[in-house]
C-alpha atoms as a PDB file:
ATOM      1  CA  MET A   1     136.020  45.803   2.248  1.00  0.00           C
ATOM      2  CA  LYS A   2     135.376  49.612   1.616  1.00  0.00           C
ATOM      3  CA  LYS A   3     134.619  48.753  -1.991  1.00  0.00           C
ATOM      4  CA  ILE A   4     132.162  46.187  -1.112  1.00  0.00           C
ATOM      5  CA  VAL A   5     130.321  48.387   1.333  1.00  0.00           C
ATOM      6  CA  ASN A   6     130.111  51.050  -1.276  1.00  0.00           C
ATOM      7  CA  LEU A   7     128.870  48.495  -3.780  1.00  0.00           C
ATOM      8  CA  ILE A   8     126.154  47.353  -1.482  1.00  0.00           C
ATOM      9  CA  LEU A   9     125.120  50.987  -0.584  1.00  0.00           C
ATOM     10  CA  GLY A  10     125.028  51.770  -4.390  1.00  0.00           C
ATOM     11  CA  ILE A  11     122.631  48.711  -4.981  1.00  0.00           C
ATOM     12  CA  VAL A  12     120.403  49.832  -2.210  1.00  0.00           C
ATOM     13  CA  PHE A  13     120.242  53.325  -3.660  1.00  0.00           C
ATOM     14  CA  LEU A  14     119.376  51.994  -7.070  1.00  0.00           C
ATOM     15  CA  VAL A  15     116.638  49.769  -5.738  1.00  0.00           C
ATOM     16  CA  SER A  16     115.208  52.602  -3.603  1.00  0.00           C
ATOM     17  CA  ALA A  17     115.295  54.873  -6.667  1.00  0.00           C
ATOM     18  CA  CYS A  18     113.545  52.316  -8.843  1.00  0.00           C
ATOM     19  CA  ASP A  19     110.928  51.671  -6.122  1.00  0.00           C
ATOM     20  CA  THR A  20     110.176  55.462  -6.026  1.00  0.00           C
ATOM     21  CA  THR A  21     109.528  55.361  -9.805  1.00  0.00           C
ATOM     22  CA  LEU A  22     106.780  52.781  -9.291  1.00  0.00           C
ATOM     23  CA  ASP A  23     104.813  55.175  -7.020  1.00  0.00           C
ATOM     24  CA  VAL A  24     102.095  56.990  -9.140  1.00  0.00           C
ATOM     25  CA  GLY A  25     101.670  59.840  -6.493  1.00  0.00           C
ATOM     26  CA  GLU A  26      98.205  61.279  -6.247  1.00  0.00           C
ATOM     27  CA  ALA A  27      95.157  60.361  -8.153  1.00  0.00           C
ATOM     28  CA  PRO A  28      94.997  62.108 -11.407  1.00  0.00           C
ATOM     29  CA  GLN A  29      93.500  65.637 -11.606  1.00  0.00           C
ATOM     30  CA  LEU A  30      90.458  65.550 -13.819  1.00  0.00           C
ATOM     31  CA  GLU A  31      87.510  67.905 -14.460  1.00  0.00           C
ATOM     32  CA  VAL A  32      84.792  67.514 -17.204  1.00  0.00           C
ATOM     33  CA  THR A  33      82.057  70.000 -18.214  1.00  0.00           C
ATOM     34  CA  THR A  34      79.513  70.442 -20.849  1.00  0.00           C
ATOM     35  CA  ALA A  35      77.734  73.704 -22.268  1.00  0.00           C
ATOM     36  CA  LYS A  36      74.326  72.261 -21.137  1.00  0.00           C
ATOM     37  CA  THR A  37      72.820  69.149 -19.718  1.00  0.00           C
ATOM     38  CA  THR A  38      69.988  68.363 -22.384  1.00  0.00           C
ATOM     39  CA  TYR A  39      70.625  67.488 -25.875  1.00  0.00           C
ATOM     40  CA  LYS A  40      68.613  66.106 -28.796  1.00  0.00           C
ATOM     41  CA  VAL A  41      69.065  62.692 -30.362  1.00  0.00           C
ATOM     42  CA  GLY A  42      71.732  62.904 -32.887  1.00  0.00           C
ATOM     43  CA  GLU A  43      73.158  66.190 -31.353  1.00  0.00           C
ATOM     44  CA  GLU A  44      76.902  66.374 -30.627  1.00  0.00           C
ATOM     45  CA  VAL A  45      77.674  66.422 -26.830  1.00  0.00           C
ATOM     46  CA  ILE A  46      81.085  68.070 -26.484  1.00  0.00           C
ATOM     47  CA  PHE A  47      82.803  67.251 -23.214  1.00  0.00           C
ATOM     48  CA  ASN A  48      85.455  69.712 -22.114  1.00  0.00           C
ATOM     49  CA  ILE A  49      88.308  68.133 -20.328  1.00  0.00           C
ATOM     50  CA  ALA A  50      90.807  69.573 -17.967  1.00  0.00           C
ATOM     51  CA  GLY A  51      93.677  67.601 -16.367  1.00  0.00           C
ATOM     52  CA  ASP A  52      95.976  65.079 -17.889  1.00  0.00           C
ATOM     53  CA  PRO A  53      95.688  61.593 -16.606  1.00  0.00           C
ATOM     54  CA  ARG A  54      97.972  59.010 -18.213  1.00  0.00           C
ATOM     55  CA  ILE A  55      94.892  57.045 -19.348  1.00  0.00           C
ATOM     56  CA  LEU A  56      91.316  58.361 -19.840  1.00  0.00           C
ATOM     57  CA  ASN A  57      88.451  56.043 -20.317  1.00  0.00           C
ATOM     58  CA  PHE A  58      84.880  57.119 -21.433  1.00  0.00           C
ATOM     59  CA  TYR A  59      81.517  55.425 -20.350  1.00  0.00           C
ATOM     60  CA  SER A  60      78.592  57.022 -22.115  1.00  0.00           C
ATOM     61  CA  GLY A  61      76.036  55.124 -19.886  1.00  0.00           C
ATOM     62  CA  GLU A  62      74.571  53.429 -22.906  1.00  0.00           C
ATOM     63  CA  TYR A  63      74.030  49.540 -22.853  1.00  0.00           C
ATOM     64  CA  GLY A  64      77.405  47.886 -23.141  1.00  0.00           C
ATOM     65  CA  ASN A  65      79.314  51.137 -22.146  1.00  0.00           C
ATOM     66  CA  ASP A  66      78.040  51.711 -18.705  1.00  0.00           C
ATOM     67  CA  TYR A  67      80.369  52.288 -15.778  1.00  0.00           C
ATOM     68  CA  ASP A  68      77.760  50.638 -13.409  1.00  0.00           C
ATOM     69  CA  TYR A  69      78.541  47.391 -15.035  1.00  0.00           C
ATOM     70  CA  HIS A  70      82.333  47.659 -15.558  1.00  0.00           C
ATOM     71  CA  GLU A  71      82.803  44.637 -13.331  1.00  0.00           C
ATOM     72  CA  GLY A  72      80.189  42.569 -15.074  1.00  0.00           C
ATOM     73  CA  ARG A  73      76.631  42.468 -16.178  1.00  0.00           C
ATOM     74  CA  LEU A  74      74.221  39.615 -15.184  1.00  0.00           C
ATOM     75  CA  LEU A  75      70.965  39.274 -17.199  1.00  0.00           C
ATOM     76  CA  SER A  76      67.791  37.834 -15.608  1.00  0.00           C
ATOM     77  CA  GLY A  77      67.159  35.438 -18.544  1.00  0.00           C
ATOM     78  CA  PRO A  78      66.726  35.604 -22.351  1.00  0.00           C
ATOM     79  CA  ASP A  79      63.674  37.211 -24.015  1.00  0.00           C
ATOM     80  CA  LYS A  80      63.746  34.788 -26.864  1.00  0.00           C
ATOM     81  CA  ILE A  81      65.008  31.308 -27.542  1.00  0.00           C
ATOM     82  CA  GLN A  82      65.550  30.183 -31.181  1.00  0.00           C
ATOM     83  CA  VAL A  83      66.976  27.028 -32.919  1.00  0.00           C
ATOM     84  CA  GLU A  84      68.302  26.444 -36.293  1.00  0.00           C
ATOM     85  CA  PHE A  85      69.693  23.248 -38.026  1.00  0.00           C
ATOM     86  CA  ARG A  86      71.797  22.716 -40.849  1.00  0.00           C
ATOM     87  CA  LEU A  87      70.640  19.493 -42.516  1.00  0.00           C
ATOM     88  CA  ARG A  88      69.844  17.610 -45.786  1.00  0.00           C
ATOM     89  CA  GLU A  89      67.112  15.034 -46.176  1.00  0.00           C
ATOM     90  CA  GLN A  90      68.615  13.209 -49.041  1.00  0.00           C
ATOM     91  CA  TYR A  91      66.186  11.458 -51.529  1.00  0.00           C
ATOM     92  CA  GLN A  92      63.385  13.709 -50.184  1.00  0.00           C
ATOM     93  CA  GLY A  93      60.328  13.261 -52.411  1.00  0.00           C
ATOM     94  CA  ASP A  94      61.797  10.148 -54.167  1.00  0.00           C
ATOM     95  CA  ARG A  95      61.760   7.896 -51.170  1.00  0.00           C
ATOM     96  CA  THR A  96      58.421   8.200 -49.311  1.00  0.00           C
ATOM     97  CA  GLY A  97      58.523   5.463 -46.677  1.00  0.00           C
ATOM     98  CA  SER A  98      60.022   7.455 -43.920  1.00  0.00           C
ATOM     99  CA  ILE A  99      59.097  10.353 -41.738  1.00  0.00           C
ATOM    100  CA  LEU A 100      61.597  12.839 -40.363  1.00  0.00           C
ATOM    101  CA  SER A 101      60.475  15.077 -37.363  1.00  0.00           C
ATOM    102  CA  ILE A 102      61.911  17.739 -35.215  1.00  0.00           C
ATOM    103  CA  LEU A 103      60.622  17.671 -31.631  1.00  0.00           C
ATOM    104  CA  VAL A 104      61.006  19.861 -28.531  1.00  0.00           C
ATOM    105  CA  SER A 105      60.246  18.939 -24.869  1.00  0.00           C
ATOM    106  CA  SER A 106      60.736  20.647 -21.536  1.00  0.00           C
ATOM    107  CA  ASP A 107      60.208  17.680 -19.353  1.00  0.00           C
ATOM    108  CA  PHE A 108      62.723  15.029 -20.758  1.00  0.00           C
ATOM    109  CA  VAL A 109      65.297  14.247 -18.028  1.00  0.00           C
ATOM    110  CA  GLY A 110      65.699  10.621 -18.970  1.00  0.00           C
ATOM    111  CA  ASP A 111      68.585   8.488 -20.643  1.00  0.00           C
ATOM    112  CA  ARG A 112      69.017   9.678 -24.182  1.00  0.00           C
ATOM    113  CA  SER A 113      70.081   6.127 -25.363  1.00  0.00           C
ATOM    114  CA  SER A 114      66.949   4.591 -23.982  1.00  0.00           C
ATOM    115  CA  PHE A 115      64.116   4.481 -26.644  1.00  0.00           C
ATOM    116  CA  GLU A 116      61.521   3.622 -24.008  1.00  0.00           C
ATOM    117  CA  GLU A 117      62.377   6.623 -21.868  1.00  0.00           C
ATOM    118  CA  VAL A 118      62.647   9.016 -24.934  1.00  0.00           C
ATOM    119  CA  ASP A 119      59.414   7.837 -26.496  1.00  0.00           C
ATOM    120  CA  ALA A 120      57.607   8.288 -23.161  1.00  0.00           C
ATOM    121  CA  ALA A 121      58.512  11.946 -22.838  1.00  0.00           C
ATOM    122  CA  ASN A 122      56.132  14.827 -23.756  1.00  0.00           C
ATOM    123  CA  TRP A 123      57.322  15.961 -27.184  1.00  0.00           C
ATOM    124  CA  THR A 124      55.816  18.665 -29.395  1.00  0.00           C
ATOM    125  CA  ASP A 125      56.339  18.268 -33.105  1.00  0.00           C
ATOM    126  CA  ILE A 126      57.560  21.518 -34.638  1.00  0.00           C
ATOM    127  CA  THR A 127      58.773  20.186 -37.918  1.00  0.00           C
ATOM    128  CA  ASP A 128      56.467  22.409 -39.867  1.00  0.00           C
ATOM    129  CA  ARG A 129      58.264  25.433 -38.589  1.00  0.00           C
ATOM    130  CA  PHE A 130      61.514  24.462 -40.402  1.00  0.00           C
ATOM    131  CA  VAL A 131      62.448  24.506 -43.967  1.00  0.00           C
ATOM    132  CA  ILE A 132      63.988  21.037 -44.732  1.00  0.00           C
ATOM    133  CA  ILE A 133      65.697  20.477 -48.053  1.00  0.00           C
ATOM    134  CA  GLY A 134      66.804  17.474 -49.912  1.00  0.00           C
ATOM    135  CA  HIS A 135      69.411  18.565 -52.642  1.00  0.00           C
ATOM    136  CA  ALA A 136      72.150  19.882 -50.386  1.00  0.00           C
ATOM    137  CA  GLN A 137      73.036  20.942 -46.830  1.00  0.00           C
ATOM    138  CA  GLY A 138      71.129  24.079 -45.910  1.00  0.00           C
ATOM    139  CA  SER A 139      69.777  26.076 -43.165  1.00  0.00           C
ATOM    140  CA  THR A 140      66.254  25.269 -41.814  1.00  0.00           C
ATOM    141  CA  GLY A 141      65.875  28.868 -40.762  1.00  0.00           C
ATOM    142  CA  LYS A 142      65.758  30.155 -37.302  1.00  0.00           C
ATOM    143  CA  VAL A 143      62.844  29.091 -35.403  1.00  0.00           C
ATOM    144  CA  ASP A 144      61.465  30.837 -32.268  1.00  0.00           C
ATOM    145  CA  VAL A 145      60.749  28.220 -29.504  1.00  0.00           C
ATOM    146  CA  THR A 146      60.239  30.598 -26.632  1.00  0.00           C
ATOM    147  CA  GLU A 147      56.719  29.536 -26.089  1.00  0.00           C
ATOM    148  CA  PHE A 148      57.912  26.013 -25.087  1.00  0.00           C
ATOM    149  CA  ARG A 149      60.050  27.398 -22.254  1.00  0.00           C
ATOM    150  CA  GLU A 150      59.008  26.729 -18.699  1.00  0.00           C
ATOM    151  CA  PRO A 151      60.304  28.478 -15.512  1.00  0.00           C
ATOM    152  CA  GLY A 152      63.284  26.455 -14.177  1.00  0.00           C
ATOM    153  CA  LYS A 153      63.272  23.719 -16.778  1.00  0.00           C
ATOM    154  CA  PRO A 154      65.638  23.221 -19.689  1.00  0.00           C
ATOM    155  CA  LEU A 155      64.668  22.586 -23.323  1.00  0.00           C
ATOM    156  CA  SER A 156      65.691  19.354 -25.273  1.00  0.00           C
ATOM    157  CA  PHE A 157      65.273  18.894 -28.909  1.00  0.00           C
ATOM    158  CA  ALA A 158      64.975  15.570 -30.841  1.00  0.00           C
ATOM    159  CA  ILE A 159      65.319  14.350 -34.432  1.00  0.00           C
ATOM    160  CA  LYS A 160      62.786  11.491 -34.788  1.00  0.00           C
ATOM    161  CA  TYR A 161      63.029   9.096 -37.816  1.00  0.00           C
ATOM    162  CA  VAL A 162      60.405   6.538 -38.560  1.00  0.00           C
ATOM    163  CA  PHE A 163      60.762   3.897 -41.371  1.00  0.00           C
ATOM    164  CA  ASP A 164      57.586   2.269 -42.557  1.00  0.00           C
ATOM    165  CA  PRO A 165      57.827  -0.360 -45.266  1.00  0.00           C
ATOM    166  CA  ASP A 166      54.030   0.028 -45.792  1.00  0.00           C
ATOM    167  CA  LEU A 167      54.250   3.834 -46.165  1.00  0.00           C
ATOM    168  CA  GLY A 168      54.465   5.379 -49.664  1.00  0.00           C
ATOM    169  CA  ASN A 169      56.915   3.385 -51.909  1.00  0.00           C
ATOM    170  CA  GLY A 170      58.474   1.706 -48.933  1.00  0.00           C
ATOM    171  CA  GLN A 171      61.892   3.432 -49.213  1.00  0.00           C
ATOM    172  CA  GLY A 172      63.466   5.689 -46.633  1.00  0.00           C
ATOM    173  CA  THR A 173      65.171   9.022 -47.008  1.00  0.00           C
ATOM    174  CA  TRP A 174      68.697   9.657 -45.700  1.00  0.00           C
ATOM    175  CA  PRO A 175      68.830  12.591 -43.319  1.00  0.00           C
ATOM    176  CA  GLN A 176      72.181  14.233 -42.527  1.00  0.00           C
ATOM    177  CA  ILE A 177      72.570  16.849 -39.757  1.00  0.00           C
ATOM    178  CA  SER A 178      75.720  18.996 -39.784  1.00  0.00           C
ATOM    179  CA  SER A 179      74.911  21.423 -36.924  1.00  0.00           C
ATOM    180  CA  ILE A 180      72.498  22.626 -34.406  1.00  0.00           C
ATOM    181  CA  THR A 181      72.448  26.298 -33.089  1.00  0.00           C
ATOM    182  CA  VAL A 182      70.375  27.191 -30.105  1.00  0.00           C
ATOM    183  CA  GLU A 183      70.522  30.943 -29.152  1.00  0.00           C
ATOM    184  CA  ALA A 184      69.323  32.996 -26.194  1.00  0.00           C
ATOM    185  CA  LEU A 185      68.391  36.485 -27.343  1.00  0.00           C
ATOM    186  CA  THR A 186      68.189  39.562 -25.170  1.00  0.00           C
ATOM    187  CA  GLN A 187      67.235  43.016 -26.319  1.00  0.00           C
ATOM    188  CA  THR A 188      70.880  43.721 -27.267  1.00  0.00           C
ATOM    189  CA  ASP A 189      72.845  40.492 -27.435  1.00  0.00           C
ATOM    190  CA  ASN A 190      72.693  36.890 -28.631  1.00  0.00           C
ATOM    191  CA  PHE A 191      74.303  34.137 -26.558  1.00  0.00           C
ATOM    192  CA  LEU A 192      75.109  30.621 -28.037  1.00  0.00           C
ATOM    193  CA  LEU A 193      73.840  27.727 -25.876  1.00  0.00           C
ATOM    194  CA  SER A 194      74.633  24.941 -28.157  1.00  0.00           C
ATOM    195  CA  GLY A 195      78.046  23.306 -29.093  1.00  0.00           C
ATOM    196  CA  PRO A 196      79.345  20.947 -31.715  1.00  0.00           C
ATOM    197  CA  LEU A 197      77.491  17.662 -32.451  1.00  0.00           C
ATOM    198  CA  THR A 198      79.830  15.808 -30.353  1.00  0.00           C
ATOM    199  CA  SER A 199      78.798  17.619 -27.287  1.00  0.00           C
ATOM    200  CA  ASP A 200      75.155  18.115 -28.098  1.00  0.00           C
ATOM    201  CA  PHE A 201      74.152  14.823 -29.677  1.00  0.00           C
ATOM    202  CA  PRO A 202      75.055  11.197 -28.590  1.00  0.00           C
ATOM    203  CA  LYS A 203      77.036   8.871 -31.063  1.00  0.00           C
ATOM    204  CA  TYR A 204      74.076   6.518 -31.580  1.00  0.00           C
ATOM    205  CA  GLY A 205      70.309   7.151 -31.424  1.00  0.00           C
ATOM    206  CA  ALA A 206      67.645   5.664 -29.077  1.00  0.00           C
ATOM    207  CA  CYS A 207      66.220   2.829 -31.227  1.00  0.00           C
ATOM    208  CA  SER A 208      63.148   0.607 -31.296  1.00  0.00           C
ATOM    209  CA  SER A 209      63.837  -3.026 -30.932  1.00  0.00           C
ATOM    210  CA  LEU A 210      64.032  -3.887 -34.587  1.00  0.00           C
ATOM    211  CA  LYS A 211      66.434  -1.120 -35.612  1.00  0.00           C
ATOM    212  CA  ASN A 212      70.121  -1.850 -35.778  1.00  0.00           C
ATOM    213  CA  PRO A 213      71.483   0.532 -33.126  1.00  0.00           C
ATOM    214  CA  ILE A 214      74.703   1.232 -34.931  1.00  0.00           C
ATOM    215  CA  GLN A 215      73.231   1.785 -38.438  1.00  0.00           C
ATOM    216  CA  SER A 216      72.655   5.515 -37.883  1.00  0.00           C
ATOM    217  CA  LEU A 217      75.816   7.342 -36.486  1.00  0.00           C
ATOM    218  CA  ASN A 218      76.894  10.703 -35.293  1.00  0.00           C
ATOM    219  CA  ARG A 219      80.166  10.630 -37.430  1.00  0.00           C
ATOM    220  CA  TYR A 220      81.647  13.517 -35.437  1.00  0.00           C
ATOM    221  CA  TYR A 221      82.724  10.929 -32.973  1.00  0.00           C
ATOM    222  CA  GLU A 222      84.704   8.981 -35.651  1.00  0.00           C
ATOM    223  CA  SER A 223      87.784  10.778 -36.616  1.00  0.00           C
ATOM    224  CA  THR A 224      88.609   8.472 -39.483  1.00  0.00           C
ATOM    225  CA  LEU A 225      85.449   9.347 -41.299  1.00  0.00           C
ATOM    226  CA  SER A 226      85.673  12.206 -43.886  1.00  0.00           C
ATOM    227  CA  SER A 227      82.363  13.676 -43.483  1.00  0.00           C
ATOM    228  CA  ASN A 228      81.265  15.091 -40.168  1.00  0.00           C
ATOM    229  CA  LEU A 229      77.674  14.530 -40.163  1.00  0.00           C
ATOM    230  CA  LEU A 230      75.051  12.948 -37.930  1.00  0.00           C
ATOM    231  CA  VAL A 231      73.616  10.514 -40.462  1.00  0.00           C
ATOM    232  CA  ILE A 232      70.308   8.624 -40.029  1.00  0.00           C
ATOM    233  CA  ALA A 233      69.565   5.690 -42.235  1.00  0.00           C
ATOM    234  CA  ARG A 234      67.080   2.641 -42.297  1.00  0.00           C
ATOM    235  CA  ASN A 235      68.269  -0.887 -41.556  1.00  0.00           C
ATOM    236  CA  GLN A 236      70.295  -2.904 -44.013  1.00  0.00           C
ATOM    237  CA  ASN A 237      69.829  -6.679 -44.212  1.00  0.00           C
ATOM    238  CA  VAL A 238      72.744  -7.605 -41.775  1.00  0.00           C
ATOM    239  CA  THR A 239      73.539  -9.604 -38.733  1.00  0.00           C
ATOM    240  CA  VAL A 240      75.293  -7.892 -35.797  1.00  0.00           C
ATOM    241  CA  ASP A 241      76.214  -9.645 -32.613  1.00  0.00           C
ATOM    242  CA  ASP A 242      74.173 -12.635 -33.644  1.00  0.00           C
ATOM    243  CA  VAL A 243      71.034 -10.413 -34.301  1.00  0.00           C
ATOM    244  CA  THR A 244      69.610 -10.277 -37.786  1.00  0.00           C
ATOM    245  CA  TYR A 245      68.146  -7.013 -38.934  1.00  0.00           C
ATOM    246  CA  SER A 246      65.954  -6.471 -42.047  1.00  0.00           C
ATOM    247  CA  SER A 247      65.598  -3.500 -44.332  1.00  0.00           C
ATOM    248  CA  SER A 248      61.879  -4.169 -44.429  1.00  0.00           C
ATOM    249  CA  ASP A 249      61.346  -3.810 -40.661  1.00  0.00           C
ATOM    250  CA  TYR A 250      59.184  -0.896 -39.182  1.00  0.00           C
ATOM    251  CA  THR A 251      61.594   1.140 -37.122  1.00  0.00           C
ATOM    252  CA  GLU A 252      61.769   4.246 -35.000  1.00  0.00           C
ATOM    253  CA  GLU A 253      64.673   6.154 -33.542  1.00  0.00           C
ATOM    254  CA  TYR A 254      65.532   9.343 -31.777  1.00  0.00           C
ATOM    255  CA  PHE A 255      68.540  11.450 -31.603  1.00  0.00           C
ATOM    256  CA  VAL A 256      68.195  13.682 -28.541  1.00  0.00           C
ATOM    257  CA  THR A 257      70.206  16.676 -27.603  1.00  0.00           C
ATOM    258  CA  VAL A 258      71.582  17.763 -24.357  1.00  0.00           C
ATOM    259  CA  PRO A 259      69.270  19.875 -22.224  1.00  0.00           C
ATOM    260  CA  TYR A 260      69.745  23.560 -22.783  1.00  0.00           C
ATOM    261  CA  ASN A 261      69.307  25.916 -19.804  1.00  0.00           C
ATOM    262  CA  VAL A 262      67.117  28.442 -21.343  1.00  0.00           C
ATOM    263  CA  SER A 263      66.008  30.222 -18.221  1.00  0.00           C
ATOM    264  CA  ALA A 264      69.387  30.695 -16.556  1.00  0.00           C
ATOM    265  CA  VAL A 265      71.068  34.099 -15.540  1.00  0.00           C
ATOM    266  CA  ILE A 266      73.218  35.136 -18.315  1.00  0.00           C
ATOM    267  CA  ASN A 267      76.688  36.510 -17.600  1.00  0.00           C
ATOM    268  CA  ALA A 268      77.091  39.088 -20.294  1.00  0.00           C
ATOM    269  CA  GLY A 269      80.697  40.051 -18.997  1.00  0.00           C
ATOM    270  CA  PRO A 270      81.876  43.486 -18.045  1.00  0.00           C
ATOM    271  CA  ASP A 271      80.888  46.608 -19.992  1.00  0.00           C
ATOM    272  CA  LYS A 272      83.979  47.930 -21.865  1.00  0.00           C
ATOM    273  CA  PRO A 273      85.014  51.536 -21.949  1.00  0.00           C
ATOM    274  CA  LYS A 274      86.131  53.620 -24.884  1.00  0.00           C
ATOM    275  CA  THR A 275      89.794  54.635 -24.284  1.00  0.00           C
ATOM    276  CA  ILE A 276      90.157  58.197 -25.489  1.00  0.00           C
ATOM    277  CA  LYS A 277      93.609  58.692 -24.286  1.00  0.00           C
ATOM    278  CA  GLY A 278      96.367  56.054 -24.022  1.00  0.00           C
ATOM    279  CA  TYR A 279      99.427  56.058 -21.912  1.00  0.00           C
ATOM    280  CA  SER A 280     101.660  57.643 -24.666  1.00  0.00           C
ATOM    281  CA  ASP A 281      99.055  59.813 -26.313  1.00  0.00           C
ATOM    282  CA  SER A 282      99.014  63.595 -26.128  1.00  0.00           C
ATOM    283  CA  LYS A 283      96.716  65.499 -23.735  1.00  0.00           C
ATOM    284  CA  VAL A 284      93.043  65.454 -24.648  1.00  0.00           C
ATOM    285  CA  ASN A 285      91.116  68.729 -24.275  1.00  0.00           C
ATOM    286  CA  SER A 286      87.592  67.625 -25.470  1.00  0.00           C
ATOM    287  CA  TYR A 287      85.666  64.653 -26.540  1.00  0.00           C
ATOM    288  CA  VAL A 288      82.462  64.524 -28.629  1.00  0.00           C
ATOM    289  CA  HIS A 289      79.760  61.845 -28.296  1.00  0.00           C
ATOM    290  CA  VAL A 290      76.339  61.480 -29.994  1.00  0.00           C
ATOM    291  CA  PHE A 291      73.442  59.573 -28.359  1.00  0.00           C
ATOM    292  CA  SER A 292      71.054  57.707 -30.718  1.00  0.00           C
ATOM    293  CA  GLU A 293      68.292  57.129 -28.248  1.00  0.00           C
ATOM    294  CA  PRO A 294      66.335  59.379 -25.849  1.00  0.00           C
ATOM    295  CA  GLY A 295      67.055  58.762 -22.152  1.00  0.00           C
ATOM    296  CA  VAL A 296      68.949  59.934 -19.006  1.00  0.00           C
ATOM    297  CA  TYR A 297      72.586  58.895 -19.120  1.00  0.00           C
ATOM    298  CA  LYS A 298      75.169  58.860 -16.385  1.00  0.00           C
ATOM    299  CA  VAL A 299      78.266  59.631 -18.367  1.00  0.00           C
ATOM    300  CA  ARG A 300      81.717  58.775 -16.563  1.00  0.00           C
ATOM    301  CA  PHE A 301      85.156  59.744 -17.383  1.00  0.00           C
ATOM    302  CA  VAL A 302      87.679  57.651 -15.597  1.00  0.00           C
ATOM    303  CA  GLY A 303      91.243  59.063 -15.348  1.00  0.00           C
ATOM    304  CA  ILE A 304      93.950  56.497 -14.482  1.00  0.00           C
ATOM    305  CA  ASN A 305      97.522  56.811 -13.439  1.00  0.00           C
ATOM    306  CA  HIS A 306      99.187  53.442 -12.850  1.00  0.00           C
ATOM    307  CA  SER A 307     102.420  51.484 -12.679  1.00  0.00           C
ATOM    308  CA  ILE A 308     103.303  47.861 -12.079  1.00  0.00           C
ATOM    309  CA  LYS A 309     103.014  48.775  -8.398  1.00  0.00           C
ATOM    310  CA  GLU A 310      99.730  50.520  -7.989  1.00  0.00           C
ATOM    311  CA  THR A 311      96.805  52.181  -9.761  1.00  0.00           C
ATOM    312  CA  LYS A 312      94.932  55.366  -8.831  1.00  0.00           C
ATOM    313  CA  GLU A 313      91.657  56.515 -10.516  1.00  0.00           C
ATOM    314  CA  THR A 314      89.492  59.535 -10.549  1.00  0.00           C
ATOM    315  CA  VAL A 315      85.913  59.187 -11.808  1.00  0.00           C
ATOM    316  CA  LYS A 316      83.880  62.109 -12.963  1.00  0.00           C
ATOM    317  CA  GLU A 317      80.220  61.734 -13.535  1.00  0.00           C
ATOM    318  CA  LEU A 318      77.877  63.966 -15.587  1.00  0.00           C
ATOM    319  CA  GLU A 319      74.041  63.482 -15.985  1.00  0.00           C
ATOM    320  CA  ILE A 320      72.999  64.034 -19.650  1.00  0.00           C
ATOM    321  CA  THR A 321      69.302  64.047 -20.656  1.00  0.00           C
ATOM    322  CA  VAL A 322      68.597  63.226 -24.341  1.00  0.00           C
ATOM    323  CA  VAL A 323      65.257  63.992 -25.788  1.00  0.00           C
ATOM    324  CA  ALA A 324      63.770  63.015 -29.168  1.00  0.00           C
ATOM    325  CA  ASP A 325      64.413  65.326 -32.152  1.00  0.00           C
ATOM    326  CA  GLU A 326      60.893  66.536 -32.977  1.00  0.00           C
END
């Protein structure tokens, strides 16, 4: 019995001892000074450091490294919206009986599979802003569409294909789209709004009555097909579900994207510190930073002592003025 009691007491003692090692004690001691408070662009700022926190993080106060946003940064909205396609208009120049267009709208809220609803929306033709090639898949270039943004409204894009047997030589091209990239740009960051073709375009287009609705296809939806492309093609002479389609019929169709929220608040995520001393690193006595732009910066050093049980911090702030180097 005595041995059991001693064993229990020993376990209690060990648990208590281990629990004590989880305490970090007081917040870390930390002092930071500089020789002056005003520096020129490109001049080294030497921060003298006293104290020895287990971890020491640095925030310069510059964008992306600002302690004020260490829990997250919300941006009011992008400064610029741009769109880019990767596509090919095969037989471009050889077959002149079709018209391929790229459109944008801020008021389309209808059914993307309904030709009547899509065709009734207010679309602006922006085809001439893109570079469309025929010999291979290529970038159309990044096109600024900021001017079409309206407060509180999304932007939608459409690929429109018209086949007219009475136009040119009466033969249609074969457009193939491999991607769309819609970006929201701020002064310092780019944010991707678009996704893969399966999320941004439907499987089939919105077709006029004489167009075979399954002739054109977003192949991203078909895992058995080798090429992941959104392919647009004129009718073939074929009967589908007791309906006969002709390769000589005038047809129109649209492939419309999802609406992109181009006015929304952007969550840029937290600003990240630069860790200048890790848990196992030796003591740091100084740190050097160079500012590249004039301004008044709130520099913070954050000393951290932590364990799996608790964390204690000490934040030291300095205001540094940076002037142009004249």
